[in-house]
C-alpha atoms as a PDB file:
ATOM      1  CA  MET A   1      -9.616  -3.786  40.680  1.00  0.00           C
ATOM      2  CA  VAL A   2      -9.013  -1.486  43.665  1.00  0.00           C
ATOM      3  CA  VAL A   3      -5.574  -0.597  42.302  1.00  0.00           C
ATOM      4  CA  ASN A   4      -7.091   0.313  38.917  1.00  0.00           C
ATOM      5  CA  PHE A   5      -9.645   2.513  40.665  1.00  0.00           C
ATOM      6  CA  ILE A   6      -6.923   4.300  42.655  1.00  0.00           C
ATOM      7  CA  TRP A   7      -4.806   4.794  39.504  1.00  0.00           C
ATOM      8  CA  GLY A   8      -7.877   6.204  37.754  1.00  0.00           C
ATOM      9  CA  VAL A   9      -8.575   8.661  40.565  1.00  0.00           C
ATOM     10  CA  LEU A  10      -4.920   9.744  40.584  1.00  0.00           C
ATOM     11  CA  GLY A  11      -4.893  10.294  36.830  1.00  0.00           C
ATOM     12  CA  GLY A  12      -3.674   6.963  35.488  1.00  0.00           C
ATOM     13  CA  GLU A  13      -0.878   4.486  35.986  1.00  0.00           C
ATOM     14  CA  PRO A  14       2.461   6.362  36.423  1.00  0.00           C
ATOM     15  CA  THR A  15       4.319   4.484  33.664  1.00  0.00           C
ATOM     16  CA  GLU A  16       1.514   5.128  31.186  1.00  0.00           C
ATOM     17  CA  LYS A  17       1.478   8.826  32.121  1.00  0.00           C
ATOM     18  CA  MET A  18       5.240   9.065  31.640  1.00  0.00           C
ATOM     19  CA  ILE A  19       5.064   7.351  28.235  1.00  0.00           C
ATOM     20  CA  ASN A  20       2.248   9.631  27.072  1.00  0.00           C
ATOM     21  CA  ALA A  21       4.154  12.689  28.333  1.00  0.00           C
ATOM     22  CA  LEU A  22       7.276  11.532  26.480  1.00  0.00           C
ATOM     23  CA  VAL A  23       5.303  11.000  23.264  1.00  0.00           C
ATOM     24  CA  ASP A  24       3.754  14.455  23.562  1.00  0.00           C
ATOM     25  CA  PHE A  25       7.124  15.988  24.454  1.00  0.00           C
ATOM     26  CA  ASN A  26       8.978  14.454  21.515  1.00  0.00           C
ATOM     27  CA  PRO A  27       7.461  15.844  18.294  1.00  0.00           C
ATOM     28  CA  LEU A  28       9.154  13.183  16.155  1.00  0.00           C
ATOM     29  CA  ILE A  29       7.378  10.350  17.961  1.00  0.00           C
ATOM     30  CA  LYS A  30       4.080  12.220  18.009  1.00  0.00           C
ATOM     31  CA  HIS A  31       4.158  13.168  14.308  1.00  0.00           C
ATOM     32  CA  SER A  32       5.341   9.710  13.245  1.00  0.00           C
ATOM     33  CA  ARG A  33       2.435   8.062  15.046  1.00  0.00           C
ATOM     34  CA  GLU A  34      -0.046  10.527  13.556  1.00  0.00           C
ATOM     35  CA  ALA A  35       1.331   9.931  10.049  1.00  0.00           C
ATOM     36  CA  GLY A  36       1.156   6.146  10.443  1.00  0.00           C
ATOM     37  CA  VAL A  37       4.898   5.412  10.666  1.00  0.00           C
ATOM     38  CA  VAL A  38       5.419   2.555  13.109  1.00  0.00           C
ATOM     39  CA  ASP A  39       9.062   1.861  12.298  1.00  0.00           C
ATOM     40  CA  PHE A  40      11.885   3.318  10.228  1.00  0.00           C
ATOM     41  CA  TYR A  41      15.163   1.878   8.940  1.00  0.00           C
ATOM     42  CA  SER A  42      18.036   4.013   7.693  1.00  0.00           C
ATOM     43  CA  THR A  43      18.595   1.484   4.888  1.00  0.00           C
ATOM     44  CA  THR A  44      16.430  -1.241   3.397  1.00  0.00           C
ATOM     45  CA  GLY A  45      19.400  -3.573   3.764  1.00  0.00           C
ATOM     46  CA  ARG A  46      18.919  -3.502   7.552  1.00  0.00           C
ATOM     47  CA  VAL A  47      15.599  -5.312   7.185  1.00  0.00           C
ATOM     48  CA  LEU A  48      16.050  -9.062   6.979  1.00  0.00           C
ATOM     49  CA  GLN A  49      14.636 -10.618   3.826  1.00  0.00           C
ATOM     50  CA  GLU A  50      12.744 -13.083   6.019  1.00  0.00           C
ATOM     51  CA  GLU A  51      10.985 -10.159   7.723  1.00  0.00           C
ATOM     52  CA  GLN A  52       9.933  -8.780   4.334  1.00  0.00           C
ATOM     53  CA  ILE A  53       8.682 -12.205   3.228  1.00  0.00           C
ATOM     54  CA  ASN A  54       6.736 -12.680   6.466  1.00  0.00           C
ATOM     55  CA  PHE A  55       5.268  -9.206   6.040  1.00  0.00           C
ATOM     56  CA  LEU A  56       3.746 -10.195   2.694  1.00  0.00           C
ATOM     57  CA  LYS A  57       2.701 -13.607   4.001  1.00  0.00           C
ATOM     58  CA  SER A  58       0.807 -11.892   6.824  1.00  0.00           C
ATOM     59  CA  ALA A  59      -1.776 -10.567   4.337  1.00  0.00           C
ATOM     60  CA  LYS A  60      -5.240 -12.020   4.746  1.00  0.00           C
ATOM     61  CA  ARG A  61      -6.845 -10.554   1.652  1.00  0.00           C
ATOM     62  CA  ASN A  62      -4.870  -8.272  -0.694  1.00  0.00           C
ATOM     63  CA  VAL A  63      -1.291  -7.626  -1.697  1.00  0.00           C
ATOM     64  CA  ASP A  64      -0.126  -4.727  -3.855  1.00  0.00           C
ATOM     65  CA  ILE A  65       3.491  -4.410  -4.934  1.00  0.00           C
ATOM     66  CA  MET A  66       5.093  -1.584  -6.881  1.00  0.00           C
ATOM     67  CA  GLY A  67       8.743  -1.427  -7.834  1.00  0.00           C
ATOM     68  CA  TYR A  68      11.347  -1.891 -10.517  1.00  0.00           C
ATOM     69  CA  CYS A  69      12.128  -5.500  -9.666  1.00  0.00           C
ATOM     70  CA  LEU A  70      10.021  -8.074  -7.848  1.00  0.00           C
ATOM     71  CA  GLY A  71      10.619 -11.499  -6.385  1.00  0.00           C
ATOM     72  CA  LEU A  72       8.319 -14.458  -6.503  1.00  0.00           C
ATOM     73  CA  ILE A  73       7.584 -14.783  -2.803  1.00  0.00           C
ATOM     74  CA  ILE A  74       3.998 -13.538  -2.997  1.00  0.00           C
ATOM     75  CA  LEU A  75       2.692 -16.709  -4.589  1.00  0.00           C
ATOM     76  CA  ALA A  76       3.142 -18.890  -1.531  1.00  0.00           C
ATOM     77  CA  HIS A  77      -0.330 -18.006  -0.229  1.00  0.00           C
ATOM     78  CA  ASN A  78      -3.774 -17.713  -1.772  1.00  0.00           C
ATOM     79  CA  TYR A  79      -4.781 -14.068  -1.584  1.00  0.00           C
ATOM     80  CA  ASP A  80      -7.933 -12.672  -3.125  1.00  0.00           C
ATOM     81  CA  SER A  81      -5.873 -10.287  -5.178  1.00  0.00           C
ATOM     82  CA  VAL A  82      -2.231  -9.680  -6.015  1.00  0.00           C
ATOM     83  CA  ARG A  83      -1.548  -6.589  -8.096  1.00  0.00           C
ATOM     84  CA  SER A  84       1.927  -5.772  -9.270  1.00  0.00           C
ATOM     85  CA  ASP A  85       2.912  -2.499 -10.846  1.00  0.00           C
ATOM     86  CA  ILE A  86       6.393  -2.851 -12.285  1.00  0.00           C
ATOM     87  CA  ARG A  87       8.731  -1.439 -14.885  1.00  0.00           C
ATOM     88  CA  THR A  88      10.604  -4.486 -16.106  1.00  0.00           C
ATOM     89  CA  ASN A  89      10.460  -6.792 -19.073  1.00  0.00           C
ATOM     90  CA  GLU A  90       7.610  -9.254 -19.436  1.00  0.00           C
ATOM     91  CA  GLN A  91       9.820 -12.215 -18.568  1.00  0.00           C
ATOM     92  CA  LEU A  92       9.181 -11.569 -14.886  1.00  0.00           C
ATOM     93  CA  TYR A  93       5.424 -11.684 -15.409  1.00  0.00           C
ATOM     94  CA  ILE A  94       5.710 -14.886 -17.417  1.00  0.00           C
ATOM     95  CA  SER A  95       7.723 -16.491 -14.621  1.00  0.00           C
ATOM     96  CA  LEU A  96       5.128 -15.261 -12.081  1.00  0.00           C
ATOM     97  CA  GLN A  97       2.377 -16.904 -14.142  1.00  0.00           C
ATOM     98  CA  LYS A  98       4.290 -20.174 -14.354  1.00  0.00           C
ATOM     99  CA  LYS A  99       4.981 -20.220 -10.623  1.00  0.00           C
ATOM    100  CA  ALA A 100       1.334 -19.388  -9.868  1.00  0.00           C
ATOM    101  CA  LYS A 101       0.155 -22.251 -12.058  1.00  0.00           C
ATOM    102  CA  LYS A 102       2.695 -24.659 -10.537  1.00  0.00           C
ATOM    103  CA  ASN A 103       1.581 -23.714  -6.988  1.00  0.00           C
ATOM    104  CA  ASN A 104      -2.145 -23.907  -7.846  1.00  0.00           C
ATOM    105  CA  TYR A 105      -2.573 -20.232  -7.010  1.00  0.00           C
ATOM    106  CA  LYS A 106      -6.313 -19.545  -6.662  1.00  0.00           C
ATOM    107  CA  GLY A 107      -6.285 -15.763  -6.281  1.00  0.00           C
ATOM    108  CA  LYS A 108      -6.322 -13.091  -8.944  1.00  0.00           C
ATOM    109  CA  LEU A 109      -2.894 -12.203 -10.334  1.00  0.00           C
ATOM    110  CA  GLN A 110      -2.600  -8.976 -12.303  1.00  0.00           C
ATOM    111  CA  TYR A 111       0.417  -7.200 -13.711  1.00  0.00           C
ATOM    112  CA  VAL A 112       0.678  -3.731 -15.173  1.00  0.00           C
ATOM    113  CA  LYS A 113       3.762  -2.596 -17.035  1.00  0.00           C
ATOM    114  CA  VAL A 114       4.302   1.092 -16.290  1.00  0.00           C
ATOM    115  CA  THR A 115       4.875   3.124 -19.432  1.00  0.00           C
ATOM    116  CA  LYS A 116       3.214   6.352 -18.217  1.00  0.00           C
ATOM    117  CA  GLY A 117       4.396   8.060 -15.058  1.00  0.00           C
ATOM    118  CA  MET A 118       7.322   7.163 -12.840  1.00  0.00           C
ATOM    119  CA  ILE A 119       7.825   4.648 -10.063  1.00  0.00           C
ATOM    120  CA  LEU A 120       9.515   6.654  -7.322  1.00  0.00           C
ATOM    121  CA  SER A 121       9.056   4.208  -4.435  1.00  0.00           C
ATOM    122  CA  TYR A 122       9.031   0.506  -3.832  1.00  0.00           C
ATOM    123  CA  ILE A 123       5.759  -0.333  -2.079  1.00  0.00           C
ATOM    124  CA  ASP A 124       4.740  -3.596  -0.431  1.00  0.00           C
ATOM    125  CA  ARG A 125       1.165  -3.448   0.804  1.00  0.00           C
ATOM    126  CA  ALA A 126      -0.360  -6.278   2.810  1.00  0.00           C
ATOM    127  CA  ASP A 127      -3.936  -5.356   3.693  1.00  0.00           C
ATOM    128  CA  ASN A 128      -3.670  -2.248   5.943  1.00  0.00           C
ATOM    129  CA  LYS A 129       0.121  -2.240   6.330  1.00  0.00           C
ATOM    130  CA  MET A 130       2.903  -1.026   4.044  1.00  0.00           C
ATOM    131  CA  MET A 131       6.643  -1.196   3.731  1.00  0.00           C
ATOM    132  CA  VAL A 132       7.821   1.704   1.563  1.00  0.00           C
ATOM    133  CA  THR A 133      11.267   2.430   0.174  1.00  0.00           C
ATOM    134  CA  PRO A 134      11.570   5.811  -1.550  1.00  0.00           C
ATOM    135  CA  TYR A 135      14.034   5.416  -4.437  1.00  0.00           C
ATOM    136  CA  MET A 136      17.037   7.718  -4.367  1.00  0.00           C
ATOM    137  CA  TYR A 137      18.906   8.619  -7.521  1.00  0.00           C
ATOM    138  CA  THR A 138      22.468   8.200  -6.227  1.00  0.00           C
ATOM    139  CA  TYR A 139      21.995   5.088  -4.046  1.00  0.00           C
ATOM    140  CA  ASN A 140      21.232   1.431  -4.662  1.00  0.00           C
ATOM    141  CA  SER A 141      17.739   0.555  -3.459  1.00  0.00           C
ATOM    142  CA  GLN A 142      19.277  -1.591  -0.695  1.00  0.00           C
ATOM    143  CA  ASP A 143      20.820   1.617   0.695  1.00  0.00           C
ATOM    144  CA  ASP A 144      17.581   3.652   0.559  1.00  0.00           C
ATOM    145  CA  PRO A 145      15.533   4.204   3.744  1.00  0.00           C
ATOM    146  CA  LEU A 146      12.490   2.068   4.547  1.00  0.00           C
ATOM    147  CA  LEU A 147       9.274   3.099   6.301  1.00  0.00           C
ATOM    148  CA  LYS A 148       6.780   0.752   7.928  1.00  0.00           C
ATOM    149  CA  ILE A 149       3.315   2.284   7.811  1.00  0.00           C
ATOM    150  CA  ASN A 150       0.170   0.977   9.512  1.00  0.00           C
ATOM    151  CA  GLY A 151      -3.418   2.108   9.246  1.00  0.00           C
ATOM    152  CA  LYS A 152      -5.403   2.661   6.087  1.00  0.00           C
ATOM    153  CA  ASP A 153      -6.713   5.959   7.481  1.00  0.00           C
ATOM    154  CA  THR A 154      -3.282   7.462   8.209  1.00  0.00           C
ATOM    155  CA  PRO A 155      -1.919  10.209   5.942  1.00  0.00           C
ATOM    156  CA  LEU A 156       1.132   8.329   4.637  1.00  0.00           C
ATOM    157  CA  PHE A 157      -0.824   5.146   3.950  1.00  0.00           C
ATOM    158  CA  LYS A 158      -3.364   7.153   1.959  1.00  0.00           C
ATOM    159  CA  MET A 159      -0.619   8.942   0.004  1.00  0.00           C
ATOM    160  CA  TYR A 160       1.239   5.782  -1.010  1.00  0.00           C
ATOM    161  CA  GLU A 161      -1.993   3.920  -1.733  1.00  0.00           C
ATOM    162  CA  HIS A 162      -3.032   6.836  -3.952  1.00  0.00           C
ATOM    163  CA  GLU A 163       0.347   6.761  -5.733  1.00  0.00           C
ATOM    164  CA  PHE A 164      -0.013   3.058  -6.463  1.00  0.00           C
ATOM    165  CA  THR A 165      -3.634   3.368  -7.604  1.00  0.00           C
ATOM    166  CA  GLU A 166      -2.967   6.346  -9.879  1.00  0.00           C
ATOM    167  CA  LEU A 167      -0.049   4.621 -11.626  1.00  0.00           C
ATOM    168  CA  TRP A 168      -2.144   1.458 -11.879  1.00  0.00           C
ATOM    169  CA  ASN A 169      -5.107   3.289 -13.426  1.00  0.00           C
ATOM    170  CA  GLU A 170      -2.875   5.326 -15.742  1.00  0.00           C
ATOM    171  CA  ASN A 171      -1.374   2.117 -17.140  1.00  0.00           C
ATOM    172  CA  CYS A 172      -4.379  -0.250 -17.141  1.00  0.00           C
ATOM    173  CA  ASN A 173      -4.188  -0.546 -20.907  1.00  0.00           C
ATOM    174  CA  ASN A 174      -0.949  -2.504 -20.282  1.00  0.00           C
ATOM    175  CA  MET A 175      -2.625  -4.976 -17.908  1.00  0.00           C
ATOM    176  CA  LYS A 176      -1.949  -8.695 -18.075  1.00  0.00           C
ATOM    177  CA  GLU A 177      -3.982 -11.329 -16.227  1.00  0.00           C
END
């Protein structure tokens, strides 16, 4: 307690002051934190599949997924809502339905086939966290960069949430439940 008081009088613990000074000194760190980026990978392939699965499993309430191709990992838990926004054939949705039924999935499963607009990023959203892979024309998606974004009030989270919601709303007439 006395040490904390002394640190407070002197302006804070030295390590904390150095870290804060470094963050303020390095614009990349400062701007990343402000935008909501908590981690960045040069390629999606550098993120272990198990980490991506655990990311989705960490959701307590809602999962949103947008992309050209989706796996079936999201049905291992009972979320209140799973919304998928994909541009594939309906066979994937049919297999999702079958797996949900087989696993006694109790949440709400919705699927929208995108026919209006373009999917330009793969988005995994688990509650207030996202993993986003912007698609690049000349690379396989495994070679595209990946951003981890936290905080529903951060600028990047809001932008990607808006992108998902707008494509969802634009294509609701193609919804399957």
